[in-house]
Amino acid sequence: MNEYKHIQTFYFIGIGGIGMSALARFANLEGKRVYGYDKTETSLTRELVQENITVTYNDSVSEIPDSIKNNQNTLVIYTPAIPKDNTLLNWFQTEGYTVIKRAHLLGEVTRNTLCLAVAGTHGKTTTSAILGHLLADCDMPVTAFLGGITENYNSNFISKGTEITVVEADEFDRSFLTLNPDIACVTSMDADHLDIYGDSTALEDAFRDFASLLPSPDKLLHKKGLPLNGKTVAIEDPADFEARNVRIEDGNYIFDLKTPSTIIKDLQCSLPGHHNLQNAVTALGMAILAGSPTDCLPKALRNFKGVQRRFSYRIKRADEVLIDDYAHHPTEIDALSQAVNELYPRDRKLIVFQPHLYSRTRDFAEGFANSLSKFDEVILLDIYPARELPIEGVTASWLMDKIQGNRVQLVFKKDLPVAIKASSCRIKLIVGAGDIGAEVQRITRYLNDED
């Protein structure tokens, strides 16, 4: 963070975001005075306050402390999710403060470190969380900025040293091109963010531009089959880093890892689904490229407990299973379907899905319909708009009409607990990237007859 080393005060607009809050924690740990704004209070913002970070929920200039009204010694960081008409953001810009995007600060923080960057349209958070944990558990001097809350650390921030950094390389608005990666991976390149890129070709070009930031193609790992140069990753398919002899024992994947130089036998991954096994192999490959001793990796992987809202069990009883997951793209829902069918092949399954973004729902409507139709019952919520305005004709009801052959219903959030409990399916999944995650605790209490 050399460029901003002299700055003593950091103000984060959108501080409650998962990526922003990790940077706020880092700045706080560096001894900076940290302030921030977000629209609503969450468990994450409450944790920041407990760490002596000042957070406001009022988008008003009156909320800016007099002590930081000095644009020479205050850095303002914002996330692209913040609306352009945000009062605080516009005031800071008008008053001449240094105002930068989150990705720019992340690039500065990692500039003089061994930067391990995890890119891909799916799997970034789980892969980076596994990688951060592997390095930390192997006593490597790592700081990890994560896009989810890891169960091992109950945090989106791992701090075991500053020589190595692990970051998620976000393709949204081409933010990952501001990074300075030394080692990187690309987990997937499925079409997404077409509101930004226009088409899949432009998205693929951006990933190739990201890969070109590396000092050598040998420092890039990618899923086998992607149109990139680098070392390949695969499951039961010849690759530079390959999971071989994969089997399931007591609900866990057991496998051998073939690397360019050796084979590590009988590794254990407790995360369900082939996509998570792929993520684990990718993280292991990056850890090895970063110099991690291989003898500590089996224990570290075995001890990894997962990431909140990534196939997170909320109820696990003989009569009922409730799983919470962040999936918000057809490819991710397909991966979720594969995982849950592998674990519970004989049970009927209900998916509760909140579509995320009007543009994504429009662009992938047929894919969503096909993916959701793999479940026995479907409950849809209204589309979560995030940063977008409505698109005429694009509604949850419109999507519902495309889903064939299932029991499908559209439900308001307030009615979710009753609707879910009425389902005869033993396996129930709550899925989406909007605010549906905030409903999980209430639903869990209701299903447990605590309300």
Protein backbone atom coordinates (compact mmCIF):
# COMPACT_ATOMS: atom_id res chain seq x y z
CA MET A 1 0.00 0.00 0.00
CA ASN A 2 2.98 2.26 -0.65
CA GLU A 3 1.06 4.81 -2.71
CA TYR A 4 -1.28 5.49 0.23
CA LYS A 5 1.10 4.75 3.11
CA HIS A 6 1.06 8.39 4.25
CA ILE A 7 -2.75 8.51 4.44
CA GLN A 8 -4.08 7.98 7.94
CA THR A 9 -7.85 7.88 7.35
CA PHE A 10 -9.82 5.52 5.11
CA TYR A 11 -13.52 6.00 4.31
CA PHE A 12 -15.30 3.03 2.68
CA ILE A 13 -18.57 3.68 0.83
CA GLY A 14 -20.29 0.31 0.80
CA ILE A 15 -18.26 -0.95 3.76
CA GLY A 16 -20.70 -3.79 4.43
CA GLY A 17 -19.83 -5.48 1.13
CA ILE A 18 -17.95 -8.72 1.55
CA GLY A 19 -14.87 -7.50 -0.36
CA MET A 20 -14.95 -3.99 1.08
CA SER A 21 -15.17 -5.17 4.66
CA ALA A 22 -12.07 -7.35 4.24
CA LEU A 23 -10.10 -4.30 3.06
CA ALA A 24 -11.51 -2.24 5.92
CA ARG A 25 -10.28 -4.88 8.35
CA PHE A 26 -6.84 -4.79 6.74
CA ALA A 27 -6.63 -0.99 6.98
CA ASN A 28 -7.74 -1.16 10.60
CA LEU A 29 -5.06 -3.75 11.34
CA GLU A 30 -2.52 -1.42 9.70
CA GLY A 31 -3.38 1.21 12.31
CA LYS A 32 -5.43 3.48 10.04
CA ARG A 33 -8.55 5.28 11.19
CA VAL A 34 -11.38 3.52 9.38
CA TYR A 35 -14.87 4.84 8.72
CA GLY A 36 -17.61 3.71 6.37
CA TYR A 37 -21.15 3.88 5.11
CA ASP A 38 -23.60 1.22 4.04
CA LYS A 39 -27.30 1.21 3.31
CA THR A 40 -28.34 -1.28 5.99
CA GLU A 41 -26.97 -2.77 9.17
CA THR A 42 -25.92 -6.41 8.91
CA SER A 43 -24.10 -8.92 11.07
CA LEU A 44 -20.95 -8.04 9.12
CA THR A 45 -21.20 -4.30 9.80
CA ARG A 46 -21.89 -5.04 13.47
CA GLU A 47 -18.66 -7.05 13.58
CA LEU A 48 -16.77 -4.10 12.05
CA VAL A 49 -18.16 -1.81 14.74
CA GLN A 50 -16.98 -4.28 17.39
CA GLU A 51 -13.51 -3.95 15.82
CA ASN A 52 -13.64 -0.16 16.48
CA ILE A 53 -14.57 0.79 12.92
CA THR A 54 -17.14 3.58 12.70
CA VAL A 55 -20.09 2.74 10.40
CA THR A 56 -23.07 4.92 9.45
CA TYR A 57 -26.25 3.94 7.63
CA ASN A 58 -27.36 7.45 6.69
CA ASP A 59 -26.35 8.71 3.23
CA SER A 60 -25.82 12.28 4.39
CA VAL A 61 -22.85 14.64 4.51
CA SER A 62 -23.79 15.40 8.11
CA GLU A 63 -22.58 11.89 8.97
CA ILE A 64 -18.99 12.68 7.95
CA PRO A 65 -16.98 13.41 11.12
CA ASP A 66 -15.43 16.87 11.26
CA SER A 67 -12.11 15.24 12.12
CA ILE A 68 -11.75 13.74 8.63
CA LYS A 69 -12.87 16.72 6.58
CA ASN A 70 -9.34 17.06 5.31
CA ASN A 71 -9.00 15.84 1.76
CA GLN A 72 -5.20 15.72 2.00
CA ASN A 73 -5.18 12.88 4.50
CA THR A 74 -8.35 10.88 3.77
CA LEU A 75 -8.68 8.18 1.12
CA VAL A 76 -12.19 7.32 -0.07
CA ILE A 77 -12.85 3.83 -1.44
CA TYR A 78 -16.10 2.79 -3.09
CA THR A 79 -17.56 -0.31 -4.62
CA PRO A 80 -19.16 -0.33 -8.10
CA ALA A 81 -22.35 -1.58 -6.44
CA ILE A 82 -22.89 1.94 -5.01
CA PRO A 83 -25.40 3.98 -7.08
CA LYS A 84 -23.96 6.94 -8.95
CA ASP A 85 -26.37 9.30 -7.15
CA ASN A 86 -25.00 8.38 -3.71
CA THR A 87 -24.77 11.62 -1.72
CA LEU A 88 -21.57 10.77 0.15
CA LEU A 89 -19.73 9.60 -2.97
CA ASN A 90 -20.67 12.74 -4.89
CA TRP A 91 -19.70 15.03 -2.00
CA PHE A 92 -16.26 13.45 -1.63
CA GLN A 93 -15.68 13.73 -5.39
CA THR A 94 -16.86 17.35 -5.54
CA GLU A 95 -14.68 18.34 -2.58
CA GLY A 96 -11.52 17.03 -4.21
CA TYR A 97 -10.83 13.94 -2.10
CA THR A 98 -8.84 11.07 -3.54
CA VAL A 99 -11.61 8.64 -4.51
CA ILE A 100 -10.77 5.17 -5.85
CA LYS A 101 -12.50 1.88 -6.56
CA ARG A 102 -12.07 -1.11 -4.28
CA ALA A 103 -10.11 -2.98 -6.97
CA HIS A 104 -7.55 -0.16 -7.19
CA LEU A 105 -6.83 -0.35 -3.46
CA LEU A 106 -6.60 -4.12 -3.66
CA GLY A 107 -4.03 -3.76 -6.41
CA GLU A 108 -1.96 -1.40 -4.26
CA VAL A 109 -2.18 -3.62 -1.19
CA THR A 110 -0.87 -6.60 -3.14
CA ARG A 111 1.73 -4.80 -5.26
CA ASN A 112 4.85 -5.67 -3.25
CA THR A 113 3.72 -9.13 -2.19
CA LEU A 114 3.61 -12.54 -3.83
CA CYS A 115 0.09 -12.07 -5.16
CA LEU A 116 -2.07 -15.15 -5.75
CA ALA A 117 -5.17 -14.11 -7.71
CA VAL A 118 -8.21 -16.34 -8.12
CA ALA A 119 -10.33 -15.51 -11.18
CA GLY A 120 -13.36 -17.12 -12.81
CA THR A 121 -17.07 -16.60 -13.25
CA HIS A 122 -17.76 -19.34 -10.68
CA GLY A 123 -15.78 -20.77 -7.79
CA LYS A 124 -13.66 -17.74 -6.86
CA THR A 125 -14.71 -17.54 -3.22
CA THR A 126 -14.43 -21.23 -2.40
CA THR A 127 -11.12 -21.61 -4.24
CA SER A 128 -9.56 -18.53 -2.62
CA ALA A 129 -10.85 -19.59 0.81
CA ILE A 130 -9.33 -23.05 0.44
CA LEU A 131 -6.09 -21.52 -0.82
CA GLY A 132 -5.88 -18.99 2.01
CA HIS A 133 -6.52 -21.74 4.54
CA LEU A 134 -3.97 -24.12 3.01
CA LEU A 135 -1.25 -21.48 3.19
CA ALA A 136 -2.20 -20.31 6.69
CA ASP A 137 -2.40 -23.87 8.02
CA CYS A 138 1.03 -24.59 6.49
CA ASP A 139 2.44 -21.55 8.36
CA MET A 140 3.00 -19.49 5.22
CA PRO A 141 3.05 -15.67 5.74
CA VAL A 142 -0.28 -14.98 4.04
CA THR A 143 -2.98 -12.31 4.08
CA ALA A 144 -6.19 -13.39 2.31
CA PHE A 145 -9.03 -11.10 1.20
CA LEU A 146 -12.04 -13.33 0.66
CA GLY A 147 -15.49 -12.94 -0.87
CA GLY A 148 -17.19 -15.03 1.78
CA ILE A 149 -17.07 -15.91 5.48
CA THR A 150 -14.93 -18.98 6.06
CA GLU A 151 -16.14 -21.41 8.70
CA ASN A 152 -12.59 -21.99 9.96
CA TYR A 153 -11.94 -18.33 10.76
CA ASN A 154 -15.50 -16.95 10.95
CA SER A 155 -14.17 -14.11 8.80
CA ASN A 156 -13.55 -12.94 5.23
CA PHE A 157 -10.01 -11.97 6.20
CA ILE A 158 -7.03 -14.18 7.10
CA SER A 159 -3.91 -12.54 8.50
CA LYS A 160 -0.83 -14.71 9.07
CA GLY A 161 1.79 -12.43 7.52
CA THR A 162 2.24 -9.97 4.69
CA GLU A 163 4.65 -11.59 2.24
CA ILE A 164 1.90 -13.48 0.35
CA THR A 165 -1.58 -12.21 -0.54
CA VAL A 166 -4.58 -14.17 -1.77
CA VAL A 167 -7.27 -12.16 -3.57
CA GLU A 168 -10.35 -12.77 -5.64
CA ALA A 169 -9.84 -11.33 -9.13
CA ASP A 170 -13.26 -9.95 -9.98
CA GLU A 171 -14.19 -9.84 -13.68
CA PHE A 172 -17.11 -7.49 -13.05
CA ASP A 173 -16.35 -4.15 -14.82
CA ARG A 174 -12.88 -5.58 -15.59
CA SER A 175 -11.70 -4.87 -12.03
CA PHE A 176 -9.19 -7.73 -12.14
CA LEU A 177 -7.08 -5.84 -14.67
CA THR A 178 -5.94 -3.48 -11.88
CA LEU A 179 -4.20 -6.32 -10.03
CA ASN A 180 -0.54 -7.33 -10.13
CA PRO A 181 -0.70 -11.13 -9.94
CA ASP A 182 2.36 -13.36 -9.65
CA ILE A 183 0.38 -16.62 -9.69
CA ALA A 184 -3.23 -16.90 -10.84
CA CYS A 185 -5.97 -19.30 -11.77
CA VAL A 186 -9.11 -19.14 -13.89
CA THR A 187 -11.76 -21.53 -12.59
CA SER A 188 -14.36 -20.89 -15.31
CA MET A 189 -15.26 -18.52 -18.14
CA ASP A 190 -19.01 -19.03 -18.58
CA ALA A 191 -20.94 -16.11 -20.04
CA ASP A 192 -21.98 -13.67 -17.30
CA HIS A 193 -22.12 -9.91 -16.67
CA LEU A 194 -23.36 -9.43 -20.22
CA ASP A 195 -24.75 -6.07 -19.09
CA ILE A 196 -21.08 -5.03 -18.86
CA TYR A 197 -19.44 -7.05 -21.64
CA GLY A 198 -22.17 -7.32 -24.25
CA ASP A 199 -21.24 -10.85 -25.33
CA SER A 200 -19.21 -13.88 -24.27
CA THR A 201 -16.37 -13.06 -26.67
CA ALA A 202 -15.64 -9.76 -24.90
CA LEU A 203 -15.71 -11.59 -21.55
CA GLU A 204 -13.20 -14.18 -22.78
CA ASP A 205 -10.97 -11.41 -24.12
CA ALA A 206 -10.95 -9.82 -20.66
CA PHE A 207 -9.82 -13.10 -19.09
CA ARG A 208 -7.02 -13.37 -21.66
CA ASP A 209 -5.99 -9.81 -20.79
CA PHE A 210 -5.95 -10.83 -17.13
CA ALA A 211 -3.78 -13.87 -17.90
CA SER A 212 -1.33 -11.64 -19.77
CA LEU A 213 -0.60 -9.76 -16.52
CA LEU A 214 1.33 -12.79 -15.25
CA PRO A 215 5.11 -13.00 -15.67
CA SER A 216 4.78 -16.37 -17.47
CA PRO A 217 2.02 -18.76 -18.65
CA ASP A 218 3.54 -21.32 -16.25
CA LYS A 219 2.15 -19.20 -13.42
CA LEU A 220 -1.44 -19.66 -14.61
CA LEU A 221 -3.66 -22.60 -13.65
CA HIS A 222 -6.95 -23.05 -15.44
CA LYS A 223 -9.72 -25.57 -15.83
CA LYS A 224 -8.87 -27.94 -18.64
CA GLY A 225 -10.66 -26.97 -21.83
CA LEU A 226 -10.60 -23.22 -21.37
CA PRO A 227 -9.02 -21.27 -24.27
CA LEU A 228 -5.98 -20.17 -22.24
CA ASN A 229 -2.28 -20.97 -22.04
CA GLY A 230 -1.09 -22.33 -18.72
CA LYS A 231 -1.15 -25.38 -16.49
CA THR A 232 -4.39 -27.37 -16.60
CA VAL A 233 -6.61 -28.65 -13.79
CA ALA A 234 -9.02 -31.58 -14.12
CA ILE A 235 -10.79 -34.45 -12.37
CA GLU A 236 -10.09 -37.96 -13.71
CA ASP A 237 -8.79 -36.47 -16.96
CA PRO A 238 -5.09 -36.05 -17.86
CA ALA A 239 -3.91 -32.62 -16.71
CA ASP A 240 -0.98 -30.91 -15.01
CA PHE A 241 -2.90 -31.00 -11.72
CA GLU A 242 -5.35 -33.89 -11.72
CA ALA A 243 -7.57 -35.56 -9.13
CA ARG A 244 -7.20 -39.31 -9.70
CA ASN A 245 -8.79 -42.37 -8.14
CA VAL A 246 -11.72 -40.31 -6.83
CA ARG A 247 -14.10 -42.09 -4.49
CA ILE A 248 -16.58 -41.19 -1.75
CA GLU A 249 -16.08 -42.39 1.83
CA ASP A 250 -18.36 -41.28 4.67
CA GLY A 251 -19.67 -38.39 2.56
CA ASN A 252 -16.16 -37.09 1.72
CA TYR A 253 -14.19 -37.16 -1.51
CA ILE A 254 -10.96 -39.16 -1.24
CA PHE A 255 -8.52 -38.74 -4.12
CA ASP A 256 -4.91 -38.74 -5.25
CA LEU A 257 -3.43 -35.50 -6.57
CA LYS A 258 -1.12 -35.83 -9.55
CA THR A 259 1.14 -32.77 -9.98
CA PRO A 260 3.85 -32.11 -12.61
CA SER A 261 6.45 -33.60 -10.25
CA THR A 262 4.76 -35.99 -7.82
CA ILE A 263 1.61 -37.73 -6.61
CA ILE A 264 0.05 -36.98 -3.23
CA LYS A 265 -2.15 -39.87 -2.14
CA ASP A 266 -5.41 -40.10 -0.20
CA LEU A 267 -6.33 -36.45 0.10
CA GLN A 268 -9.72 -35.75 1.67
CA CYS A 269 -12.16 -33.01 0.64
CA SER A 270 -15.35 -32.67 2.68
CA LEU A 271 -17.05 -30.17 0.34
CA PRO A 272 -19.78 -31.78 -1.78
CA GLY A 273 -19.93 -31.62 -5.57
CA HIS A 274 -17.48 -32.08 -8.43
CA HIS A 275 -17.19 -28.30 -8.75
CA ASN A 276 -15.79 -28.10 -5.22
CA LEU A 277 -13.38 -30.94 -5.88
CA GLN A 278 -12.17 -28.95 -8.91
CA ASN A 279 -11.82 -25.88 -6.68
CA ALA A 280 -9.79 -27.87 -4.16
CA VAL A 281 -7.41 -29.21 -6.82
CA THR A 282 -6.94 -25.69 -8.18
CA ALA A 283 -6.17 -24.31 -4.70
CA LEU A 284 -3.71 -27.14 -4.04
CA GLY A 285 -1.95 -26.39 -7.32
CA MET A 286 -1.64 -22.69 -6.50
CA ALA A 287 -0.34 -23.46 -3.00
CA ILE A 288 2.33 -25.72 -4.51
CA LEU A 289 3.33 -23.05 -7.06
CA ALA A 290 3.59 -20.57 -4.17
CA GLY A 291 6.12 -22.82 -2.45
CA SER A 292 3.98 -24.49 0.18
CA PRO A 293 5.52 -27.70 1.52
CA THR A 294 3.43 -30.59 0.22
CA ASP A 295 3.64 -32.67 3.39
CA CYS A 296 1.32 -30.30 5.29
CA LEU A 297 -1.33 -29.99 2.57
CA PRO A 298 -3.33 -33.19 3.25
CA LYS A 299 -4.02 -32.22 6.87
CA ALA A 300 -4.80 -28.62 5.91
CA LEU A 301 -7.32 -29.66 3.25
CA ARG A 302 -8.91 -32.22 5.56
CA ASN A 303 -9.43 -29.48 8.17
CA PHE A 304 -11.10 -27.00 5.80
CA LYS A 305 -14.71 -26.53 6.92
CA GLY A 306 -16.12 -24.52 4.04
CA VAL A 307 -17.57 -21.08 3.36
CA GLN A 308 -20.86 -19.76 4.65
CA ARG A 309 -23.68 -19.88 2.07
CA ARG A 310 -21.76 -22.38 -0.06
CA PHE A 311 -23.73 -25.61 0.48
CA SER A 312 -24.12 -24.70 4.14
CA TYR A 313 -26.25 -27.07 6.19
CA ARG A 314 -28.78 -25.25 8.39
CA ILE A 315 -30.79 -28.35 9.30
CA LYS A 316 -29.54 -31.91 8.98
CA ARG A 317 -32.02 -34.38 10.44
CA ALA A 318 -33.38 -37.76 9.41
CA ASP A 319 -36.69 -36.15 8.44
CA GLU A 320 -35.45 -32.86 6.96
CA VAL A 321 -32.35 -31.26 5.42
CA LEU A 322 -32.05 -27.50 4.78
CA ILE A 323 -29.12 -26.23 2.69
CA ASP A 324 -28.20 -22.58 2.07
CA ASP A 325 -26.25 -21.68 -1.09
CA TYR A 326 -25.15 -18.55 -2.99
CA ALA A 327 -25.70 -19.95 -6.51
CA HIS A 328 -27.04 -17.29 -8.91
CA HIS A 329 -26.15 -18.54 -12.41
CA PRO A 330 -27.48 -21.62 -14.28
CA THR A 331 -24.04 -23.25 -14.23
CA GLU A 332 -23.90 -22.87 -10.44
CA ILE A 333 -27.40 -24.28 -10.01
CA ASP A 334 -26.42 -27.24 -12.19
CA ALA A 335 -23.38 -27.84 -9.95
CA LEU A 336 -25.62 -27.63 -6.89
CA SER A 337 -28.01 -30.16 -8.45
CA GLN A 338 -25.14 -32.56 -9.15
CA ALA A 339 -23.88 -32.29 -5.57
CA VAL A 340 -27.23 -32.74 -3.87
CA ASN A 341 -28.21 -35.66 -6.13
CA GLU A 342 -24.90 -37.38 -5.44
CA LEU A 343 -25.48 -37.08 -1.68
CA TYR A 344 -29.24 -37.71 -1.64
CA PRO A 345 -30.09 -39.70 -4.79
CA ARG A 346 -33.38 -41.13 -3.51
CA ASP A 347 -34.89 -38.01 -1.91
CA ARG A 348 -37.24 -35.45 -3.41
CA LYS A 349 -35.79 -31.94 -3.52
CA LEU A 350 -37.21 -28.41 -3.23
CA ILE A 351 -35.28 -25.37 -4.43
CA VAL A 352 -36.19 -21.87 -3.26
CA PHE A 353 -34.58 -19.45 -5.70
CA GLN A 354 -34.29 -15.68 -5.75
CA PRO A 355 -33.18 -14.46 -9.22
CA HIS A 356 -30.38 -11.87 -9.03
CA LEU A 357 -30.44 -8.94 -11.50
CA TYR A 358 -33.01 -8.29 -14.22
CA SER A 359 -30.33 -8.43 -16.91
CA ARG A 360 -28.96 -11.80 -15.77
CA THR A 361 -32.49 -13.24 -15.56
CA ARG A 362 -33.22 -11.99 -19.08
CA ASP A 363 -29.91 -13.16 -20.56
CA PHE A 364 -30.05 -16.67 -19.08
CA ALA A 365 -33.80 -17.29 -18.74
CA GLU A 366 -33.74 -20.57 -20.68
CA GLY A 367 -30.72 -21.76 -18.71
CA PHE A 368 -32.37 -20.93 -15.40
CA ALA A 369 -35.55 -22.73 -16.47
CA ASN A 370 -33.60 -25.86 -17.46
CA SER A 371 -31.52 -25.84 -14.27
CA LEU A 372 -34.48 -25.29 -11.94
CA SER A 373 -36.49 -28.02 -13.69
CA LYS A 374 -34.01 -30.59 -12.31
CA PHE A 375 -35.62 -30.17 -8.88
CA ASP A 376 -38.90 -31.78 -7.83
CA GLU A 377 -40.41 -28.54 -6.54
CA VAL A 378 -39.52 -24.89 -7.17
CA ILE A 379 -40.38 -21.77 -5.18
CA LEU A 380 -39.46 -18.49 -6.88
CA LEU A 381 -39.08 -15.07 -5.28
CA ASP A 382 -39.24 -11.74 -7.06
CA ILE A 383 -36.05 -10.68 -8.83
CA TYR A 384 -33.50 -8.98 -6.58
CA PRO A 385 -32.55 -5.80 -8.49
CA ALA A 386 -29.24 -4.90 -6.80
CA ARG A 387 -27.85 -2.03 -8.89
CA GLU A 388 -30.44 -2.28 -11.70
CA LEU A 389 -33.76 -0.74 -12.67
CA PRO A 390 -36.57 -3.05 -13.82
CA ILE A 391 -36.58 -4.32 -17.41
CA GLU A 392 -40.01 -4.43 -18.99
CA GLY A 393 -41.38 -7.96 -19.22
CA VAL A 394 -38.59 -9.52 -17.15
CA THR A 395 -40.22 -10.78 -13.95
CA ALA A 396 -40.17 -13.85 -11.74
CA SER A 397 -43.61 -14.75 -13.10
CA TRP A 398 -42.20 -14.62 -16.65
CA LEU A 399 -39.38 -16.98 -15.60
CA MET A 400 -41.83 -19.26 -13.79
CA ASP A 401 -43.81 -19.81 -16.99
CA LYS A 402 -40.69 -21.22 -18.64
CA ILE A 403 -40.16 -23.96 -16.03
CA GLN A 404 -41.82 -27.16 -17.21
CA GLY A 405 -42.94 -30.32 -15.49
CA ASN A 406 -42.55 -29.22 -11.88
CA ARG A 407 -44.62 -27.94 -9.05
CA VAL A 408 -43.67 -24.25 -9.27
CA GLN A 409 -45.01 -21.34 -7.24
CA LEU A 410 -44.19 -17.67 -6.76
CA VAL A 411 -44.00 -16.65 -3.10
CA PHE A 412 -43.42 -13.39 -1.23
CA LYS A 413 -40.48 -13.39 1.19
CA LYS A 414 -42.71 -12.94 4.23
CA ASP A 415 -44.56 -16.16 3.32
CA LEU A 416 -41.46 -18.28 2.72
CA PRO A 417 -41.33 -20.20 6.04
CA VAL A 418 -44.90 -21.44 5.69
CA ALA A 419 -44.48 -22.35 2.01
CA ILE A 420 -41.24 -24.24 2.65
CA LYS A 421 -42.66 -26.14 5.61
CA ALA A 422 -45.66 -27.18 3.52
CA SER A 423 -43.41 -28.97 1.03
CA SER A 424 -43.20 -32.75 1.32
CA CYS A 425 -39.61 -32.75 0.00
CA ARG A 426 -37.04 -33.91 2.58
CA ILE A 427 -34.20 -31.95 0.95
CA LYS A 428 -34.78 -28.19 0.81
CA LEU A 429 -32.39 -25.63 -0.66
CA ILE A 430 -32.42 -21.84 -0.25
CA VAL A 431 -30.51 -20.37 -3.17
CA GLY A 432 -29.53 -16.93 -4.48
CA ALA A 433 -27.12 -13.99 -4.25
CA GLY A 434 -29.57 -11.25 -3.23
CA ASP A 435 -31.04 -10.73 0.22
CA ILE A 436 -32.51 -14.22 0.51
CA GLY A 437 -29.59 -15.16 2.76
CA ALA A 438 -31.01 -12.83 5.41
CA GLU A 439 -34.15 -14.99 5.53
CA VAL A 440 -32.36 -18.23 6.33
CA GLN A 441 -32.26 -17.80 10.09
CA ARG A 442 -35.98 -17.02 10.24
CA ILE A 443 -36.81 -20.00 8.02
CA THR A 444 -34.60 -22.32 10.07
CA ARG A 445 -36.32 -21.29 13.32
CA TYR A 446 -39.74 -21.88 11.78
CA LEU A 447 -38.82 -25.32 10.43
CA ASN A 448 -37.43 -26.20 13.86
CA ASP A 449 -40.75 -25.10 15.44
CA GLU A 450 -38.97 -22.35 17.36
CA ASP A 451 -41.35 -19.58 16.23
